[in-house]
Amino acid sequence: MSEHELTHLDAAGRARMVDVGEKDSTRREAVARGAVLMQPATLELIVAGGMPKGDVLAVARVAGIMAAKRTPDLIPLCHPLMLTHVALELTPKAAAGADGAAVLIEATVRTTGKTGVEMEALTAVSAAALTIYDMCKAVDRQMRISDIRLAQKRGGKSGEWILES
């Protein structure tokens, strides 16, 4: 199979779960990133702990961790994995010039297994972003979830990959 073939399709084009039974177990890590763009006043409320629903960053962090652990329940062809590490960094970024304020999200997920954790890291960022949106929507309906992407992965047959900036 070439690197450009879709691994989740069989020869007839039907969806399938990839057989990883013959692969070696290795340490695997993925880092995903994203952002929630918002009005500066919204970020100020988040940082000050003034949102009516509570501590936005703490709840978003827990939501991201929980989502990473439940990825196979959300993404149909993902393998259930025993995750060994899930961490989320949520960084407030004040408005600078024409840029709006944002909460930058980074998820790092690790396992030792036969398949990678890219989907778990991406799901963690997505759930954290959605949680921020949910907890802040009453004060800022203009928020935007932006730039969710895989930033790097390590381990497995393909080794290390880092997103070119």
C-alpha atoms as a PDB file:
ATOM      1  CA  MET A   1       0.000   0.000   0.000  1.00  0.00           C
ATOM      2  CA  SER A   2       1.403   3.411  -0.932  1.00  0.00           C
ATOM      3  CA  GLU A   3       1.404   6.280   1.557  1.00  0.00           C
ATOM      4  CA  HIS A   4      -1.270   8.019  -0.534  1.00  0.00           C
ATOM      5  CA  GLU A   5      -3.851   5.232  -0.371  1.00  0.00           C
ATOM      6  CA  LEU A   6      -6.758   5.551   2.032  1.00  0.00           C
ATOM      7  CA  THR A   7      -6.205   2.896   4.680  1.00  0.00           C
ATOM      8  CA  HIS A   8      -9.815   2.919   5.893  1.00  0.00           C
ATOM      9  CA  LEU A   9     -11.194   1.730   2.537  1.00  0.00           C
ATOM     10  CA  ASP A  10     -10.986  -1.803   1.167  1.00  0.00           C
ATOM     11  CA  ALA A  11     -10.381  -2.648  -2.533  1.00  0.00           C
ATOM     12  CA  ALA A  12     -14.099  -2.153  -3.260  1.00  0.00           C
ATOM     13  CA  GLY A  13     -14.181   1.274  -1.579  1.00  0.00           C
ATOM     14  CA  ARG A  14     -16.036   0.094   1.533  1.00  0.00           C
ATOM     15  CA  ALA A  15     -15.176   1.487   4.967  1.00  0.00           C
ATOM     16  CA  ARG A  16     -13.082  -0.819   7.119  1.00  0.00           C
ATOM     17  CA  MET A  17     -11.148  -0.758  10.343  1.00  0.00           C
ATOM     18  CA  VAL A  18      -7.421  -1.131   9.687  1.00  0.00           C
ATOM     19  CA  ASP A  19      -5.922  -4.416  10.926  1.00  0.00           C
ATOM     20  CA  VAL A  20      -3.024  -3.464  13.201  1.00  0.00           C
ATOM     21  CA  GLY A  21      -2.484  -6.978  14.548  1.00  0.00           C
ATOM     22  CA  GLU A  22       0.887  -7.486  12.846  1.00  0.00           C
ATOM     23  CA  LYS A  23       2.289  -4.074  13.785  1.00  0.00           C
ATOM     24  CA  ASP A  24       4.853  -3.677  16.557  1.00  0.00           C
ATOM     25  CA  SER A  25       3.876  -1.938  19.777  1.00  0.00           C
ATOM     26  CA  THR A  26       5.868   1.264  20.124  1.00  0.00           C
ATOM     27  CA  ARG A  27       5.626   4.426  22.169  1.00  0.00           C
ATOM     28  CA  ARG A  28       3.460   6.893  20.275  1.00  0.00           C
ATOM     29  CA  GLU A  29       2.712  10.553  20.836  1.00  0.00           C
ATOM     30  CA  ALA A  30       0.633  13.165  19.055  1.00  0.00           C
ATOM     31  CA  VAL A  31       0.258  16.894  19.624  1.00  0.00           C
ATOM     32  CA  ALA A  32      -2.716  18.809  18.241  1.00  0.00           C
ATOM     33  CA  ARG A  33      -3.508  22.507  18.421  1.00  0.00           C
ATOM     34  CA  GLY A  34      -6.417  24.848  17.901  1.00  0.00           C
ATOM     35  CA  ALA A  35      -7.853  28.138  19.086  1.00  0.00           C
ATOM     36  CA  VAL A  36     -11.057  29.792  20.137  1.00  0.00           C
ATOM     37  CA  LEU A  37     -11.105  33.382  18.877  1.00  0.00           C
ATOM     38  CA  MET A  38     -13.169  35.841  20.888  1.00  0.00           C
ATOM     39  CA  GLN A  39     -13.724  39.425  21.885  1.00  0.00           C
ATOM     40  CA  PRO A  40     -11.120  40.841  24.304  1.00  0.00           C
ATOM     41  CA  ALA A  41     -13.804  41.376  26.972  1.00  0.00           C
ATOM     42  CA  THR A  42     -14.694  37.680  26.821  1.00  0.00           C
ATOM     43  CA  LEU A  43     -11.081  36.660  27.416  1.00  0.00           C
ATOM     44  CA  GLU A  44     -10.878  39.110  30.313  1.00  0.00           C
ATOM     45  CA  LEU A  45     -13.912  37.444  31.925  1.00  0.00           C
ATOM     46  CA  ILE A  46     -12.395  33.988  31.437  1.00  0.00           C
ATOM     47  CA  VAL A  47      -9.066  35.003  32.973  1.00  0.00           C
ATOM     48  CA  ALA A  48     -10.766  36.807  35.884  1.00  0.00           C
ATOM     49  CA  GLY A  49     -12.986  33.802  36.607  1.00  0.00           C
ATOM     50  CA  GLY A  50     -16.076  35.877  35.897  1.00  0.00           C
ATOM     51  CA  MET A  51     -18.033  33.545  33.622  1.00  0.00           C
ATOM     52  CA  PRO A  52     -21.408  32.564  35.101  1.00  0.00           C
ATOM     53  CA  LYS A  53     -20.855  28.850  34.296  1.00  0.00           C
ATOM     54  CA  GLY A  54     -17.594  28.660  36.256  1.00  0.00           C
ATOM     55  CA  ASP A  55     -13.880  28.131  35.596  1.00  0.00           C
ATOM     56  CA  VAL A  56     -13.824  27.887  31.808  1.00  0.00           C
ATOM     57  CA  LEU A  57     -10.233  26.738  31.436  1.00  0.00           C
ATOM     58  CA  ALA A  58     -10.476  24.030  34.110  1.00  0.00           C
ATOM     59  CA  VAL A  59     -13.689  22.604  32.657  1.00  0.00           C
ATOM     60  CA  ALA A  60     -12.314  22.729  29.092  1.00  0.00           C
ATOM     61  CA  ARG A  61      -9.161  20.897  30.214  1.00  0.00           C
ATOM     62  CA  VAL A  62     -11.216  18.094  31.783  1.00  0.00           C
ATOM     63  CA  ALA A  63     -13.492  17.949  28.717  1.00  0.00           C
ATOM     64  CA  GLY A  64     -10.464  17.510  26.458  1.00  0.00           C
ATOM     65  CA  ILE A  65      -9.040  14.719  28.592  1.00  0.00           C
ATOM     66  CA  MET A  66     -12.395  12.934  28.720  1.00  0.00           C
ATOM     67  CA  ALA A  67     -12.869  13.301  24.957  1.00  0.00           C
ATOM     68  CA  ALA A  68      -9.442  11.826  24.173  1.00  0.00           C
ATOM     69  CA  LYS A  69     -10.383   8.762  26.232  1.00  0.00           C
ATOM     70  CA  ARG A  70     -13.698   8.410  24.355  1.00  0.00           C
ATOM     71  CA  THR A  71     -12.444   8.962  20.802  1.00  0.00           C
ATOM     72  CA  PRO A  72     -13.386   5.464  19.529  1.00  0.00           C
ATOM     73  CA  ASP A  73     -16.963   6.145  20.689  1.00  0.00           C
ATOM     74  CA  LEU A  74     -17.078   9.266  18.487  1.00  0.00           C
ATOM     75  CA  ILE A  75     -14.981   8.353  15.436  1.00  0.00           C
ATOM     76  CA  PRO A  76     -16.312   5.086  13.988  1.00  0.00           C
ATOM     77  CA  LEU A  77     -13.101   3.467  12.688  1.00  0.00           C
ATOM     78  CA  CYS A  78     -10.741   4.409  15.540  1.00  0.00           C
ATOM     79  CA  HIS A  79      -9.222   1.612  17.593  1.00  0.00           C
ATOM     80  CA  PRO A  80      -9.836   1.659  21.353  1.00  0.00           C
ATOM     81  CA  LEU A  81      -6.476   2.484  22.936  1.00  0.00           C
ATOM     82  CA  MET A  82      -5.039   2.392  26.418  1.00  0.00           C
ATOM     83  CA  LEU A  83      -3.850   5.978  26.715  1.00  0.00           C
ATOM     84  CA  THR A  84      -0.907   6.499  29.036  1.00  0.00           C
ATOM     85  CA  HIS A  85      -0.951  10.314  29.046  1.00  0.00           C
ATOM     86  CA  VAL A  86      -3.331  13.108  28.076  1.00  0.00           C
ATOM     87  CA  ALA A  87      -2.485  16.738  28.824  1.00  0.00           C
ATOM     88  CA  LEU A  88      -4.087  19.974  27.678  1.00  0.00           C
ATOM     89  CA  GLU A  89      -2.520  23.407  27.786  1.00  0.00           C
ATOM     90  CA  LEU A  90      -4.949  26.309  27.513  1.00  0.00           C
ATOM     91  CA  THR A  91      -3.214  29.635  26.995  1.00  0.00           C
ATOM     92  CA  PRO A  92      -5.069  32.967  27.032  1.00  0.00           C
ATOM     93  CA  LYS A  93      -3.793  35.292  24.294  1.00  0.00           C
ATOM     94  CA  ALA A  94      -4.685  38.960  24.598  1.00  0.00           C
ATOM     95  CA  ALA A  95      -5.651  40.944  21.516  1.00  0.00           C
ATOM     96  CA  ALA A  96      -2.678  42.366  19.632  1.00  0.00           C
ATOM     97  CA  GLY A  97      -3.330  44.961  16.948  1.00  0.00           C
ATOM     98  CA  ALA A  98      -5.908  43.681  14.476  1.00  0.00           C
ATOM     99  CA  ASP A  99      -5.789  40.194  16.013  1.00  0.00           C
ATOM    100  CA  GLY A 100      -8.605  39.261  18.325  1.00  0.00           C
ATOM    101  CA  ALA A 101      -8.210  37.672  21.702  1.00  0.00           C
ATOM    102  CA  ALA A 102      -8.070  33.875  21.885  1.00  0.00           C
ATOM    103  CA  VAL A 103      -7.592  30.829  24.014  1.00  0.00           C
ATOM    104  CA  LEU A 104      -4.897  28.692  22.398  1.00  0.00           C
ATOM    105  CA  ILE A 105      -5.344  24.959  22.966  1.00  0.00           C
ATOM    106  CA  GLU A 106      -2.667  22.256  22.792  1.00  0.00           C
ATOM    107  CA  ALA A 107      -3.275  18.578  23.535  1.00  0.00           C
ATOM    108  CA  THR A 108      -0.539  15.979  23.971  1.00  0.00           C
ATOM    109  CA  VAL A 109      -1.561  12.319  23.977  1.00  0.00           C
ATOM    110  CA  ARG A 110       0.639   9.238  24.470  1.00  0.00           C
ATOM    111  CA  THR A 111       0.279   5.487  24.387  1.00  0.00           C
ATOM    112  CA  THR A 112       2.364   2.404  23.830  1.00  0.00           C
ATOM    113  CA  GLY A 113       0.595   0.407  21.182  1.00  0.00           C
ATOM    114  CA  LYS A 114       0.127  -0.640  17.575  1.00  0.00           C
ATOM    115  CA  THR A 115      -1.526   2.523  16.275  1.00  0.00           C
ATOM    116  CA  GLY A 116      -1.109   6.259  16.764  1.00  0.00           C
ATOM    117  CA  VAL A 117      -2.999   8.764  18.867  1.00  0.00           C
ATOM    118  CA  GLU A 118      -3.505  11.560  16.342  1.00  0.00           C
ATOM    119  CA  MET A 119      -7.292  11.278  16.467  1.00  0.00           C
ATOM    120  CA  GLU A 120      -7.280  11.325  20.260  1.00  0.00           C
ATOM    121  CA  ALA A 121      -5.234  14.543  20.308  1.00  0.00           C
ATOM    122  CA  LEU A 122      -7.469  16.180  17.683  1.00  0.00           C
ATOM    123  CA  THR A 123     -10.605  15.087  19.554  1.00  0.00           C
ATOM    124  CA  ALA A 124      -9.215  16.509  22.803  1.00  0.00           C
ATOM    125  CA  VAL A 125      -8.616  19.915  21.195  1.00  0.00           C
ATOM    126  CA  SER A 126     -12.056  19.873  19.560  1.00  0.00           C
ATOM    127  CA  ALA A 127     -13.879  19.049  22.794  1.00  0.00           C
ATOM    128  CA  ALA A 128     -11.929  21.663  24.753  1.00  0.00           C
ATOM    129  CA  ALA A 129     -12.755  24.286  22.106  1.00  0.00           C
ATOM    130  CA  LEU A 130     -16.441  23.352  22.092  1.00  0.00           C
ATOM    131  CA  THR A 131     -16.518  23.538  25.880  1.00  0.00           C
ATOM    132  CA  ILE A 132     -15.019  27.028  25.859  1.00  0.00           C
ATOM    133  CA  TYR A 133     -17.614  28.047  23.285  1.00  0.00           C
ATOM    134  CA  ASP A 134     -20.454  26.524  25.305  1.00  0.00           C
ATOM    135  CA  MET A 135     -19.396  28.169  28.551  1.00  0.00           C
ATOM    136  CA  CYS A 136     -18.933  31.613  26.973  1.00  0.00           C
ATOM    137  CA  LYS A 137     -21.635  31.797  24.289  1.00  0.00           C
ATOM    138  CA  ALA A 138     -24.005  33.783  26.497  1.00  0.00           C
ATOM    139  CA  VAL A 139     -21.574  36.720  26.487  1.00  0.00           C
ATOM    140  CA  ASP A 140     -19.973  36.318  23.034  1.00  0.00           C
ATOM    141  CA  ARG A 141     -21.865  34.791  20.108  1.00  0.00           C
ATOM    142  CA  GLN A 142     -19.098  35.868  17.700  1.00  0.00           C
ATOM    143  CA  MET A 143     -16.531  33.363  18.981  1.00  0.00           C
ATOM    144  CA  ARG A 144     -14.886  31.175  16.334  1.00  0.00           C
ATOM    145  CA  ILE A 145     -13.220  27.829  16.692  1.00  0.00           C
ATOM    146  CA  SER A 146     -10.173  27.916  14.448  1.00  0.00           C
ATOM    147  CA  ASP A 147      -7.123  26.072  13.140  1.00  0.00           C
ATOM    148  CA  ILE A 148      -7.604  22.642  14.691  1.00  0.00           C
ATOM    149  CA  ARG A 149      -4.718  20.620  13.303  1.00  0.00           C
ATOM    150  CA  LEU A 150      -2.177  17.939  14.031  1.00  0.00           C
ATOM    151  CA  ALA A 151       1.090  19.656  14.989  1.00  0.00           C
ATOM    152  CA  GLN A 152       3.336  16.624  15.436  1.00  0.00           C
ATOM    153  CA  LYS A 153       3.424  12.872  15.879  1.00  0.00           C
ATOM    154  CA  ARG A 154       6.083  10.431  16.992  1.00  0.00           C
ATOM    155  CA  GLY A 155       6.423   6.680  16.943  1.00  0.00           C
ATOM    156  CA  GLY A 156       5.344   3.823  14.775  1.00  0.00           C
ATOM    157  CA  LYS A 157       6.623   2.838  11.356  1.00  0.00           C
ATOM    158  CA  SER A 158       6.486   6.377   9.941  1.00  0.00           C
ATOM    159  CA  GLY A 159       8.504   7.847  12.818  1.00  0.00           C
ATOM    160  CA  GLU A 160       8.401  11.562  13.550  1.00  0.00           C
ATOM    161  CA  TRP A 161       6.354  14.157  11.694  1.00  0.00           C
ATOM    162  CA  ILE A 162       6.187  17.878  12.516  1.00  0.00           C
ATOM    163  CA  LEU A 163       3.839  20.367  10.860  1.00  0.00           C
ATOM    164  CA  GLU A 164       5.726  22.931   8.850  1.00  0.00           C
ATOM    165  CA  SER A 165       4.752  26.372  10.138  1.00  0.00           C
END
